[in-house]
PDB file of N, CA and C in Angstrom:
ATOM      1  N   MET A   1       0.873  -1.229  -0.055  1.00  0.00           N
ATOM      2  CA  MET A   1      -0.003   0.019  -0.055  1.00  0.00           C
ATOM      3  C   MET A   1       0.889   1.324  -0.033  1.00  0.00           C
ATOM      4  N   ASN A   2       0.457   2.339  -0.680  1.00  0.00           N
ATOM      5  CA  ASN A   2       1.162   3.621  -0.669  1.00  0.00           C
ATOM      6  C   ASN A   2       1.306   4.268   0.627  1.00  0.00           C
ATOM      7  N   GLY A   3       2.412   4.868   0.881  1.00  0.00           N
ATOM      8  CA  GLY A   3       2.733   5.547   2.163  1.00  0.00           C
ATOM      9  C   GLY A   3       1.730   6.516   2.484  1.00  0.00           C
ATOM     10  N   TYR A   4       1.253   7.252   1.437  1.00  0.00           N
ATOM     11  CA  TYR A   4       0.234   8.382   1.798  1.00  0.00           C
ATOM     12  C   TYR A   4      -1.120   7.613   2.027  1.00  0.00           C
ATOM     13  N   ALA A   5      -1.314   6.433   1.654  1.00  0.00           N
ATOM     14  CA  ALA A   5      -2.715   5.654   1.990  1.00  0.00           C
ATOM     15  C   ALA A   5      -2.430   5.223   3.337  1.00  0.00           C
ATOM     16  N   TRP A   6      -1.390   4.867   3.905  1.00  0.00           N
ATOM     17  CA  TRP A   6      -1.178   4.450   5.325  1.00  0.00           C
ATOM     18  C   TRP A   6      -1.291   5.766   6.163  1.00  0.00           C
ATOM     19  N   LEU A   7      -0.703   6.846   5.694  1.00  0.00           N
ATOM     20  CA  LEU A   7      -0.910   8.075   6.366  1.00  0.00           C
ATOM     21  C   LEU A   7      -2.338   8.570   6.433  1.00  0.00           C
ATOM     22  N   ALA A   8      -3.121   8.460   5.444  1.00  0.00           N
ATOM     23  CA  ALA A   8      -4.561   8.841   5.516  1.00  0.00           C
ATOM     24  C   ALA A   8      -5.308   8.013   6.500  1.00  0.00           C
ATOM     25  N   ILE A   9      -5.104   6.751   6.563  1.00  0.00           N
ATOM     26  CA  ILE A   9      -5.589   5.778   7.551  1.00  0.00           C
ATOM     27  C   ILE A   9      -5.264   6.099   9.124  1.00  0.00           C
ATOM     28  N   ALA A  10      -4.121   6.584   9.152  1.00  0.00           N
ATOM     29  CA  ALA A  10      -3.528   6.999  10.383  1.00  0.00           C
ATOM     30  C   ALA A  10      -4.081   8.310  11.038  1.00  0.00           C
ATOM     31  N   ILE A  11      -4.351   9.170   9.969  1.00  0.00           N
ATOM     32  CA  ILE A  11      -5.173  10.370  10.415  1.00  0.00           C
ATOM     33  C   ILE A  11      -6.379  10.202  10.739  1.00  0.00           C
ATOM     34  N   VAL A  12      -7.173   9.335  10.163  1.00  0.00           N
ATOM     35  CA  VAL A  12      -8.488   9.070  10.326  1.00  0.00           C
ATOM     36  C   VAL A  12      -8.625   8.290  11.882  1.00  0.00           C
ATOM     37  N   ALA A  13      -7.936   7.287  11.935  1.00  0.00           N
ATOM     38  CA  ALA A  13      -7.940   6.552  13.340  1.00  0.00           C
ATOM     39  C   ALA A  13      -7.399   7.545  14.456  1.00  0.00           C
ATOM     40  N   GLU A  14      -6.496   8.312  14.300  1.00  0.00           N
ATOM     41  CA  GLU A  14      -6.052   9.361  15.248  1.00  0.00           C
ATOM     42  C   GLU A  14      -7.293  10.403  15.573  1.00  0.00           C
ATOM     43  N   VAL A  15      -8.023  10.774  14.638  1.00  0.00           N
ATOM     44  CA  VAL A  15      -9.135  11.734  14.694  1.00  0.00           C
ATOM     45  C   VAL A  15     -10.294  11.012  15.440  1.00  0.00           C
ATOM     46  N   ILE A  16     -10.429   9.590  15.189  1.00  0.00           N
ATOM     47  CA  ILE A  16     -11.504   8.962  15.856  1.00  0.00           C
ATOM     48  C   ILE A  16     -11.080   8.776  17.445  1.00  0.00           C
ATOM     49  N   GLY A  17      -9.851   8.485  17.552  1.00  0.00           N
ATOM     50  CA  GLY A  17      -9.272   8.370  18.904  1.00  0.00           C
ATOM     51  C   GLY A  17      -9.411   9.543  19.696  1.00  0.00           C
ATOM     52  N   THR A  18      -9.010  10.705  19.158  1.00  0.00           N
ATOM     53  CA  THR A  18      -9.101  11.926  19.797  1.00  0.00           C
ATOM     54  C   THR A  18     -10.448  12.221  19.990  1.00  0.00           C
ATOM     55  N   SER A  19     -11.380  12.236  19.279  1.00  0.00           N
ATOM     56  CA  SER A  19     -12.790  12.456  19.197  1.00  0.00           C
ATOM     57  C   SER A  19     -13.465  11.853  20.370  1.00  0.00           C
ATOM     58  N   THR A  20     -13.132  10.565  20.767  1.00  0.00           N
ATOM     59  CA  THR A  20     -13.821   9.785  21.604  1.00  0.00           C
ATOM     60  C   THR A  20     -13.057  10.035  23.160  1.00  0.00           C
ATOM     61  N   LEU A  21     -11.865  10.692  22.917  1.00  0.00           N
ATOM     62  CA  LEU A  21     -11.055  10.785  24.311  1.00  0.00           C
ATOM     63  C   LEU A  21     -11.798  11.730  25.378  1.00  0.00           C
ATOM     64  N   LYS A  22     -12.621  12.794  24.597  1.00  0.00           N
ATOM     65  CA  LYS A  22     -13.480  13.628  25.409  1.00  0.00           C
ATOM     66  C   LYS A  22     -14.512  12.905  26.085  1.00  0.00           C
ATOM     67  N   ALA A  23     -15.246  11.894  25.293  1.00  0.00           N
ATOM     68  CA  ALA A  23     -16.276  11.087  25.782  1.00  0.00           C
ATOM     69  C   ALA A  23     -15.883  10.151  26.874  1.00  0.00           C
ATOM     70  N   SER A  24     -14.576   9.732  26.859  1.00  0.00           N
ATOM     71  CA  SER A  24     -14.071   8.682  27.821  1.00  0.00           C
ATOM     72  C   SER A  24     -14.212   9.292  29.254  1.00  0.00           C
ATOM     73  N   GLU A  25     -14.136  10.636  29.439  1.00  0.00           N
ATOM     74  CA  GLU A  25     -14.353  11.217  30.745  1.00  0.00           C
ATOM     75  C   GLU A  25     -13.258  10.834  31.633  1.00  0.00           C
ATOM     76  N   GLY A  26     -11.873  10.916  31.128  1.00  0.00           N
ATOM     77  CA  GLY A  26     -10.665  10.577  31.741  1.00  0.00           C
ATOM     78  C   GLY A  26     -10.470   9.197  31.946  1.00  0.00           C
ATOM     79  N   PHE A  27     -10.976   8.460  30.982  1.00  0.00           N
ATOM     80  CA  PHE A  27     -10.918   6.942  30.898  1.00  0.00           C
ATOM     81  C   PHE A  27     -11.745   6.250  32.127  1.00  0.00           C
ATOM     82  N   THR A  28     -12.934   6.900  32.517  1.00  0.00           N
ATOM     83  CA  THR A  28     -13.799   6.537  33.279  1.00  0.00           C
ATOM     84  C   THR A  28     -14.956   5.613  32.693  1.00  0.00           C
ATOM     85  N   ARG A  29     -15.239   5.969  31.268  1.00  0.00           N
ATOM     86  CA  ARG A  29     -16.206   5.206  30.705  1.00  0.00           C
ATOM     87  C   ARG A  29     -15.509   4.259  29.805  1.00  0.00           C
ATOM     88  N   LEU A  30     -16.026   2.942  29.784  1.00  0.00           N
ATOM     89  CA  LEU A  30     -15.396   1.850  29.233  1.00  0.00           C
ATOM     90  C   LEU A  30     -15.375   1.958  27.640  1.00  0.00           C
ATOM     91  N   LEU A  31     -16.549   2.170  27.062  1.00  0.00           N
ATOM     92  CA  LEU A  31     -16.600   2.017  25.440  1.00  0.00           C
ATOM     93  C   LEU A  31     -15.840   3.063  24.936  1.00  0.00           C
ATOM     94  N   PRO A  32     -15.993   4.388  25.259  1.00  0.00           N
ATOM     95  CA  PRO A  32     -15.041   5.503  24.687  1.00  0.00           C
ATOM     96  C   PRO A  32     -13.736   5.301  24.801  1.00  0.00           C
ATOM     97  N   SER A  33     -13.411   4.858  25.988  1.00  0.00           N
ATOM     98  CA  SER A  33     -12.018   4.533  26.460  1.00  0.00           C
ATOM     99  C   SER A  33     -11.247   3.556  25.604  1.00  0.00           C
ATOM    100  N   VAL A  34     -12.040   2.422  25.217  1.00  0.00           N
ATOM    101  CA  VAL A  34     -11.588   1.309  24.357  1.00  0.00           C
ATOM    102  C   VAL A  34     -11.508   1.835  22.923  1.00  0.00           C
ATOM    103  N   VAL A  35     -12.375   2.568  22.486  1.00  0.00           N
ATOM    104  CA  VAL A  35     -12.355   3.258  21.078  1.00  0.00           C
ATOM    105  C   VAL A  35     -11.183   4.134  20.958  1.00  0.00           C
ATOM    106  N   THR A  36     -10.883   4.845  21.927  1.00  0.00           N
ATOM    107  CA  THR A  36      -9.677   5.770  22.148  1.00  0.00           C
ATOM    108  C   THR A  36      -8.368   4.889  21.908  1.00  0.00           C
ATOM    109  N   ALA A  37      -8.187   4.114  22.732  1.00  0.00           N
ATOM    110  CA  ALA A  37      -7.020   3.149  22.696  1.00  0.00           C
ATOM    111  C   ALA A  37      -6.825   2.421  21.383  1.00  0.00           C
ATOM    112  N   ILE A  38      -7.959   1.904  20.849  1.00  0.00           N
ATOM    113  CA  ILE A  38      -7.770   1.189  19.566  1.00  0.00           C
ATOM    114  C   ILE A  38      -7.449   2.282  18.456  1.00  0.00           C
ATOM    115  N   GLY A  39      -8.242   3.349  18.600  1.00  0.00           N
ATOM    116  CA  GLY A  39      -7.955   4.465  17.632  1.00  0.00           C
ATOM    117  C   GLY A  39      -6.351   4.879  17.495  1.00  0.00           C
ATOM    118  N   TYR A  40      -5.976   4.978  18.593  1.00  0.00           N
ATOM    119  CA  TYR A  40      -4.373   5.444  18.695  1.00  0.00           C
ATOM    120  C   TYR A  40      -3.493   4.331  18.359  1.00  0.00           C
ATOM    121  N   ALA A  41      -3.799   3.072  18.733  1.00  0.00           N
ATOM    122  CA  ALA A  41      -3.198   1.974  18.325  1.00  0.00           C
ATOM    123  C   ALA A  41      -2.866   1.749  16.820  1.00  0.00           C
ATOM    124  N   ILE A  42      -4.120   1.899  16.204  1.00  0.00           N
ATOM    125  CA  ILE A  42      -4.247   1.950  14.594  1.00  0.00           C
ATOM    126  C   ILE A  42      -3.580   3.083  14.064  1.00  0.00           C
ATOM    127  N   ALA A  43      -3.637   4.175  14.655  1.00  0.00           N
ATOM    128  CA  ALA A  43      -3.037   5.325  14.048  1.00  0.00           C
ATOM    129  C   ALA A  43      -1.551   5.247  14.182  1.00  0.00           C
ATOM    130  N   PHE A  44      -0.894   4.717  15.201  1.00  0.00           N
ATOM    131  CA  PHE A  44       0.499   4.734  15.265  1.00  0.00           C
ATOM    132  C   PHE A  44       1.102   3.416  14.454  1.00  0.00           C
ATOM    133  N   TYR A  45       0.298   2.450  14.325  1.00  0.00           N
ATOM    134  CA  TYR A  45       0.692   1.340  13.554  1.00  0.00           C
ATOM    135  C   TYR A  45       0.716   1.796  12.078  1.00  0.00           C
ATOM    136  N   CYS A  46      -0.264   2.487  11.582  1.00  0.00           N
ATOM    137  CA  CYS A  46      -0.476   2.880  10.088  1.00  0.00           C
ATOM    138  C   CYS A  46       0.766   4.227   9.993  1.00  0.00           C
ATOM    139  N   LEU A  47       0.779   4.850  10.795  1.00  0.00           N
ATOM    140  CA  LEU A  47       1.755   5.792  10.768  1.00  0.00           C
ATOM    141  C   LEU A  47       3.228   5.351  10.585  1.00  0.00           C
ATOM    142  N   SER A  48       3.601   4.264  11.330  1.00  0.00           N
ATOM    143  CA  SER A  48       4.667   3.523  11.281  1.00  0.00           C
ATOM    144  C   SER A  48       5.019   2.843   9.856  1.00  0.00           C
ATOM    145  N   HIS A  49       3.931   2.446   9.217  1.00  0.00           N
ATOM    146  CA  HIS A  49       4.066   2.003   7.922  1.00  0.00           C
ATOM    147  C   HIS A  49       4.258   3.041   6.880  1.00  0.00           C
ATOM    148  N   SER A  50       3.604   4.192   7.065  1.00  0.00           N
ATOM    149  CA  SER A  50       3.661   5.185   6.163  1.00  0.00           C
ATOM    150  C   SER A  50       5.254   5.788   6.207  1.00  0.00           C
ATOM    151  N   MET A  51       5.870   5.712   7.279  1.00  0.00           N
ATOM    152  CA  MET A  51       7.252   6.399   7.329  1.00  0.00           C
ATOM    153  C   MET A  51       8.111   5.368   6.626  1.00  0.00           C
ATOM    154  N   LYS A  52       7.669   4.310   6.159  1.00  0.00           N
ATOM    155  CA  LYS A  52       8.619   3.475   5.152  1.00  0.00           C
ATOM    156  C   LYS A  52       9.003   4.351   3.956  1.00  0.00           C
ATOM    157  N   THR A  53       8.045   5.011   3.470  1.00  0.00           N
ATOM    158  CA  THR A  53       8.301   5.663   2.272  1.00  0.00           C
ATOM    159  C   THR A  53       8.153   7.290   2.266  1.00  0.00           C
ATOM    160  N   VAL A  54       7.355   7.603   3.177  1.00  0.00           N
ATOM    161  CA  VAL A  54       7.063   9.071   3.163  1.00  0.00           C
ATOM    162  C   VAL A  54       8.090   9.689   4.433  1.00  0.00           C
ATOM    163  N   PRO A  55       8.801  10.658   4.039  1.00  0.00           N
ATOM    164  CA  PRO A  55       9.855  11.252   4.944  1.00  0.00           C
ATOM    165  C   PRO A  55       9.175  11.702   6.162  1.00  0.00           C
ATOM    166  N   VAL A  56       9.845  11.411   7.373  1.00  0.00           N
ATOM    167  CA  VAL A  56       9.350  11.621   8.545  1.00  0.00           C
ATOM    168  C   VAL A  56       8.894  13.010   9.100  1.00  0.00           C
ATOM    169  N   GLY A  57       9.486  13.932   8.620  1.00  0.00           N
ATOM    170  CA  GLY A  57       9.061  15.438   8.780  1.00  0.00           C
ATOM    171  C   GLY A  57       7.815  15.765   7.952  1.00  0.00           C
ATOM    172  N   VAL A  58       7.843  15.318   6.690  1.00  0.00           N
ATOM    173  CA  VAL A  58       6.740  15.589   5.868  1.00  0.00           C
ATOM    174  C   VAL A  58       5.452  14.850   6.323  1.00  0.00           C
ATOM    175  N   GLY A  59       5.602  13.494   6.586  1.00  0.00           N
ATOM    176  CA  GLY A  59       4.593  12.695   7.372  1.00  0.00           C
ATOM    177  C   GLY A  59       3.851  13.203   8.522  1.00  0.00           C
ATOM    178  N   TYR A  60       4.911  13.644   9.429  1.00  0.00           N
ATOM    179  CA  TYR A  60       4.343  14.203  10.924  1.00  0.00           C
ATOM    180  C   TYR A  60       3.619  15.472  10.624  1.00  0.00           C
ATOM    181  N   ALA A  61       4.228  16.341   9.765  1.00  0.00           N
ATOM    182  CA  ALA A  61       3.543  17.582   9.431  1.00  0.00           C
ATOM    183  C   ALA A  61       2.136  17.512   8.870  1.00  0.00           C
ATOM    184  N   ILE A  62       1.988  16.619   7.924  1.00  0.00           N
ATOM    185  CA  ILE A  62       0.843  16.339   7.203  1.00  0.00           C
ATOM    186  C   ILE A  62      -0.212  15.712   8.334  1.00  0.00           C
ATOM    187  N   TRP A  63       0.264  14.707   9.078  1.00  0.00           N
ATOM    188  CA  TRP A  63      -0.602  14.109  10.105  1.00  0.00           C
ATOM    189  C   TRP A  63      -0.990  15.107  11.148  1.00  0.00           C
ATOM    190  N   SER A  64      -0.196  15.667  11.820  1.00  0.00           N
ATOM    191  CA  SER A  64      -0.647  16.700  12.900  1.00  0.00           C
ATOM    192  C   SER A  64      -1.338  17.928  12.351  1.00  0.00           C
ATOM    193  N   GLY A  65      -1.008  18.333  11.161  1.00  0.00           N
ATOM    194  CA  GLY A  65      -1.794  19.413  10.578  1.00  0.00           C
ATOM    195  C   GLY A  65      -3.358  19.098  10.180  1.00  0.00           C
ATOM    196  N   VAL A  66      -3.367  18.139   9.384  1.00  0.00           N
ATOM    197  CA  VAL A  66      -4.696  17.489   8.914  1.00  0.00           C
ATOM    198  C   VAL A  66      -5.621  17.135  10.125  1.00  0.00           C
ATOM    199  N   GLY A  67      -4.924  16.455  11.124  1.00  0.00           N
ATOM    200  CA  GLY A  67      -5.410  16.013  12.360  1.00  0.00           C
ATOM    201  C   GLY A  67      -6.079  17.250  13.158  1.00  0.00           C
ATOM    202  N   ILE A  68      -5.222  18.245  13.300  1.00  0.00           N
ATOM    203  CA  ILE A  68      -5.614  19.529  13.997  1.00  0.00           C
ATOM    204  C   ILE A  68      -7.061  20.132  13.359  1.00  0.00           C
ATOM    205  N   VAL A  69      -7.049  20.191  12.050  1.00  0.00           N
ATOM    206  CA  VAL A  69      -8.118  20.653  11.383  1.00  0.00           C
ATOM    207  C   VAL A  69      -9.390  19.852  11.427  1.00  0.00           C
ATOM    208  N   LEU A  70      -9.194  18.561  11.334  1.00  0.00           N
ATOM    209  CA  LEU A  70     -10.403  17.592  11.423  1.00  0.00           C
ATOM    210  C   LEU A  70     -10.824  17.535  12.798  1.00  0.00           C
ATOM    211  N   ILE A  71     -10.096  17.546  13.799  1.00  0.00           N
ATOM    212  CA  ILE A  71     -10.288  17.688  15.191  1.00  0.00           C
ATOM    213  C   ILE A  71     -11.189  18.787  15.457  1.00  0.00           C
ATOM    214  N   THR A  72     -10.803  19.944  14.981  1.00  0.00           N
ATOM    215  CA  THR A  72     -11.457  21.317  15.300  1.00  0.00           C
ATOM    216  C   THR A  72     -12.792  21.195  14.814  1.00  0.00           C
ATOM    217  N   ALA A  73     -12.811  20.764  13.459  1.00  0.00           N
ATOM    218  CA  ALA A  73     -14.093  20.803  12.659  1.00  0.00           C
ATOM    219  C   ALA A  73     -15.186  19.755  13.432  1.00  0.00           C
ATOM    220  N   ILE A  74     -14.655  18.792  14.011  1.00  0.00           N
ATOM    221  CA  ILE A  74     -15.467  17.729  14.826  1.00  0.00           C
ATOM    222  C   ILE A  74     -15.900  18.482  16.183  1.00  0.00           C
ATOM    223  N   ALA A  75     -15.066  19.256  16.853  1.00  0.00           N
ATOM    224  CA  ALA A  75     -15.320  19.719  17.935  1.00  0.00           C
ATOM    225  C   ALA A  75     -16.324  20.889  17.612  1.00  0.00           C
ATOM    226  N   TRP A  76     -16.280  21.545  16.598  1.00  0.00           N
ATOM    227  CA  TRP A  76     -17.247  22.522  16.241  1.00  0.00           C
ATOM    228  C   TRP A  76     -18.671  21.955  16.014  1.00  0.00           C
ATOM    229  N   VAL A  77     -18.861  20.849  15.284  1.00  0.00           N
ATOM    230  CA  VAL A  77     -20.026  20.220  14.985  1.00  0.00           C
ATOM    231  C   VAL A  77     -20.538  19.372  16.112  1.00  0.00           C
ATOM    232  N   ALA A  78     -19.753  18.570  16.680  1.00  0.00           N
ATOM    233  CA  ALA A  78     -20.252  17.715  17.683  1.00  0.00           C
ATOM    234  C   ALA A  78     -20.267  18.271  19.065  1.00  0.00           C
ATOM    235  N   PHE A  79     -19.379  19.044  19.424  1.00  0.00           N
ATOM    236  CA  PHE A  79     -19.244  19.489  20.830  1.00  0.00           C
ATOM    237  C   PHE A  79     -19.702  21.119  20.948  1.00  0.00           C
ATOM    238  N   LYS A  80     -20.161  21.592  19.855  1.00  0.00           N
ATOM    239  CA  LYS A  80     -20.483  23.036  19.684  1.00  0.00           C
ATOM    240  C   LYS A  80     -19.506  23.964  20.072  1.00  0.00           C
ATOM    241  N   GLN A  81     -18.192  23.666  19.865  1.00  0.00           N
ATOM    242  CA  GLN A  81     -17.089  24.666  20.242  1.00  0.00           C
ATOM    243  C   GLN A  81     -17.220  25.773  19.189  1.00  0.00           C
ATOM    244  N   ARG A  82     -17.019  26.973  19.613  1.00  0.00           N
ATOM    245  CA  ARG A  82     -17.144  28.197  18.747  1.00  0.00           C
ATOM    246  C   ARG A  82     -15.723  28.515  18.311  1.00  0.00           C
ATOM    247  N   LEU A  83     -15.622  28.773  17.118  1.00  0.00           N
ATOM    248  CA  LEU A  83     -14.593  29.346  16.248  1.00  0.00           C
ATOM    249  C   LEU A  83     -14.528  30.573  15.973  1.00  0.00           C
ATOM    250  N   ASP A  84     -13.551  31.469  16.466  1.00  0.00           N
ATOM    251  CA  ASP A  84     -13.629  32.890  16.037  1.00  0.00           C
ATOM    252  C   ASP A  84     -12.673  32.969  15.021  1.00  0.00           C
ATOM    253  N   LEU A  85     -12.446  34.160  14.509  1.00  0.00           N
ATOM    254  CA  LEU A  85     -11.690  34.505  13.243  1.00  0.00           C
ATOM    255  C   LEU A  85     -10.242  34.168  13.208  1.00  0.00           C
ATOM    256  N   PRO A  86      -9.565  34.338  14.484  1.00  0.00           N
ATOM    257  CA  PRO A  86      -8.179  34.059  14.645  1.00  0.00           C
ATOM    258  C   PRO A  86      -7.962  32.564  14.507  1.00  0.00           C
ATOM    259  N   ALA A  87      -9.102  31.621  15.164  1.00  0.00           N
ATOM    260  CA  ALA A  87      -8.997  30.180  14.896  1.00  0.00           C
ATOM    261  C   ALA A  87      -9.101  29.649  13.519  1.00  0.00           C
ATOM    262  N   LEU A  88     -10.023  30.366  12.817  1.00  0.00           N
ATOM    263  CA  LEU A  88     -10.295  29.983  11.472  1.00  0.00           C
ATOM    264  C   LEU A  88      -8.993  30.304  10.503  1.00  0.00           C
ATOM    265  N   ALA A  89      -8.438  31.440  10.794  1.00  0.00           N
ATOM    266  CA  ALA A  89      -7.341  31.862  10.034  1.00  0.00           C
ATOM    267  C   ALA A  89      -6.099  30.907  10.437  1.00  0.00           C
ATOM    268  N   GLY A  90      -5.945  30.598  11.676  1.00  0.00           N
ATOM    269  CA  GLY A  90      -4.894  29.685  12.026  1.00  0.00           C
ATOM    270  C   GLY A  90      -4.939  28.489  11.203  1.00  0.00           C
ATOM    271  N   MET A  91      -6.329  27.978  11.273  1.00  0.00           N
ATOM    272  CA  MET A  91      -6.678  26.506  10.433  1.00  0.00           C
ATOM    273  C   MET A  91      -6.271  26.744   8.931  1.00  0.00           C
ATOM    274  N   GLY A  92      -6.611  27.914   8.570  1.00  0.00           N
ATOM    275  CA  GLY A  92      -6.220  28.275   7.045  1.00  0.00           C
ATOM    276  C   GLY A  92      -4.778  28.283   6.786  1.00  0.00           C
ATOM    277  N   LEU A  93      -4.045  28.794   7.834  1.00  0.00           N
ATOM    278  CA  LEU A  93      -2.602  28.587   7.499  1.00  0.00           C
ATOM    279  C   LEU A  93      -2.031  27.248   7.596  1.00  0.00           C
ATOM    280  N   ILE A  94      -2.594  26.436   8.590  1.00  0.00           N
ATOM    281  CA  ILE A  94      -2.196  25.094   8.564  1.00  0.00           C
ATOM    282  C   ILE A  94      -2.509  24.324   7.313  1.00  0.00           C
ATOM    283  N   ILE A  95      -3.762  24.422   6.615  1.00  0.00           N
ATOM    284  CA  ILE A  95      -4.003  23.814   5.540  1.00  0.00           C
ATOM    285  C   ILE A  95      -3.137  24.419   4.359  1.00  0.00           C
ATOM    286  N   SER A  96      -2.736  25.652   4.457  1.00  0.00           N
ATOM    287  CA  SER A  96      -1.866  26.203   3.433  1.00  0.00           C
ATOM    288  C   SER A  96      -0.401  25.525   3.626  1.00  0.00           C
ATOM    289  N   GLY A  97       0.068  25.425   4.807  1.00  0.00           N
ATOM    290  CA  GLY A  97       1.269  24.645   4.933  1.00  0.00           C
ATOM    291  C   GLY A  97       1.407  23.521   4.447  1.00  0.00           C
ATOM    292  N   VAL A  98       0.294  22.521   4.751  1.00  0.00           N
ATOM    293  CA  VAL A  98       0.242  21.275   4.292  1.00  0.00           C
ATOM    294  C   VAL A  98       0.384  21.152   2.689  1.00  0.00           C
ATOM    295  N   LEU A  99      -0.373  22.132   2.233  1.00  0.00           N
ATOM    296  CA  LEU A  99      -0.623  22.193   0.586  1.00  0.00           C
ATOM    297  C   LEU A  99       0.806  22.604   0.236  1.00  0.00           C
ATOM    298  N   VAL A 100       1.501  23.569   0.744  1.00  0.00           N
ATOM    299  CA  VAL A 100       2.835  23.903   0.299  1.00  0.00           C
ATOM    300  C   VAL A 100       3.760  22.866   0.355  1.00  0.00           C
ATOM    301  N   ILE A 101       3.836  22.105   1.326  1.00  0.00           N
ATOM    302  CA  ILE A 101       4.683  20.856   1.577  1.00  0.00           C
ATOM    303  C   ILE A 101       4.535  19.933   0.527  1.00  0.00           C
ATOM    304  N   ASN A 102       3.129  19.500   0.174  1.00  0.00           N
ATOM    305  CA  ASN A 102       2.942  18.569  -0.779  1.00  0.00           C
ATOM    306  C   ASN A 102       3.162  19.023  -2.141  1.00  0.00           C
ATOM    307  N   LEU A 103       2.729  20.269  -2.374  1.00  0.00           N
ATOM    308  CA  LEU A 103       2.811  20.646  -3.748  1.00  0.00           C
ATOM    309  C   LEU A 103       4.215  21.223  -4.408  1.00  0.00           C
ATOM    310  N   PHE A 104       5.041  21.843  -3.447  1.00  0.00           N
ATOM    311  CA  PHE A 104       6.031  22.576  -3.753  1.00  0.00           C
ATOM    312  C   PHE A 104       7.431  22.069  -3.326  1.00  0.00           C
ATOM    313  N   SER A 105       7.342  21.511  -2.058  1.00  0.00           N
ATOM    314  CA  SER A 105       8.446  21.032  -1.333  1.00  0.00           C
ATOM    315  C   SER A 105       9.311  19.952  -2.050  1.00  0.00           C
ATOM    316  N   LYS A 106      10.462  19.815  -2.343  1.00  0.00           N
ATOM    317  CA  LYS A 106      11.202  18.657  -2.834  1.00  0.00           C
ATOM    318  C   LYS A 106      11.413  17.606  -1.589  1.00  0.00           C
ATOM    319  N   SER A 107      11.362  17.997  -0.303  1.00  0.00           N
ATOM    320  CA  SER A 107      11.526  17.230   0.721  1.00  0.00           C
ATOM    321  C   SER A 107      10.352  16.270   0.779  1.00  0.00           C
ATOM    322  N   ALA A 108       9.135  16.441   0.197  1.00  0.00           N
ATOM    323  CA  ALA A 108       8.018  15.604   0.122  1.00  0.00           C
ATOM    324  C   ALA A 108       8.405  14.389  -0.663  1.00  0.00           C
ATOM    325  N   VAL A 109       9.472  14.440  -1.368  1.00  0.00           N
ATOM    326  CA  VAL A 109       9.653  13.214  -2.380  1.00  0.00           C
ATOM    327  C   VAL A 109      11.005  12.506  -1.587  1.00  0.00           C
ATOM    328  N   HIS A 110      10.885  11.248  -1.644  1.00  0.00           N
ATOM    329  CA  HIS A 110      11.720  10.406  -1.144  1.00  0.00           C
ATOM    330  C   HIS A 110      13.095  10.414  -1.971  1.00  0.00           C
TER     331      HIS A 110
END
């Protein structure tokens, strides 16, 4: 499987794990705690496979950047977190940074 496919799965698993972390209420609720642990285990497993072909700095930048944006979007929808203009601008910069790395940086190529 392509390294970026592994990375995409890692991002989705990490977002699921982080989203259920709040619902685990400090790991006092069983089901959300189990989903959190499984999500993180899958995320790190897939991230480790992506690092076989994706440069570590690029992979981690994409993983963390896309994860931040997705988690913030989920927090906005599911947890009614309010996003002000600076938060939206910051997420726009994160997305821009991920795009610049992928489209223009030679370090994104192994």
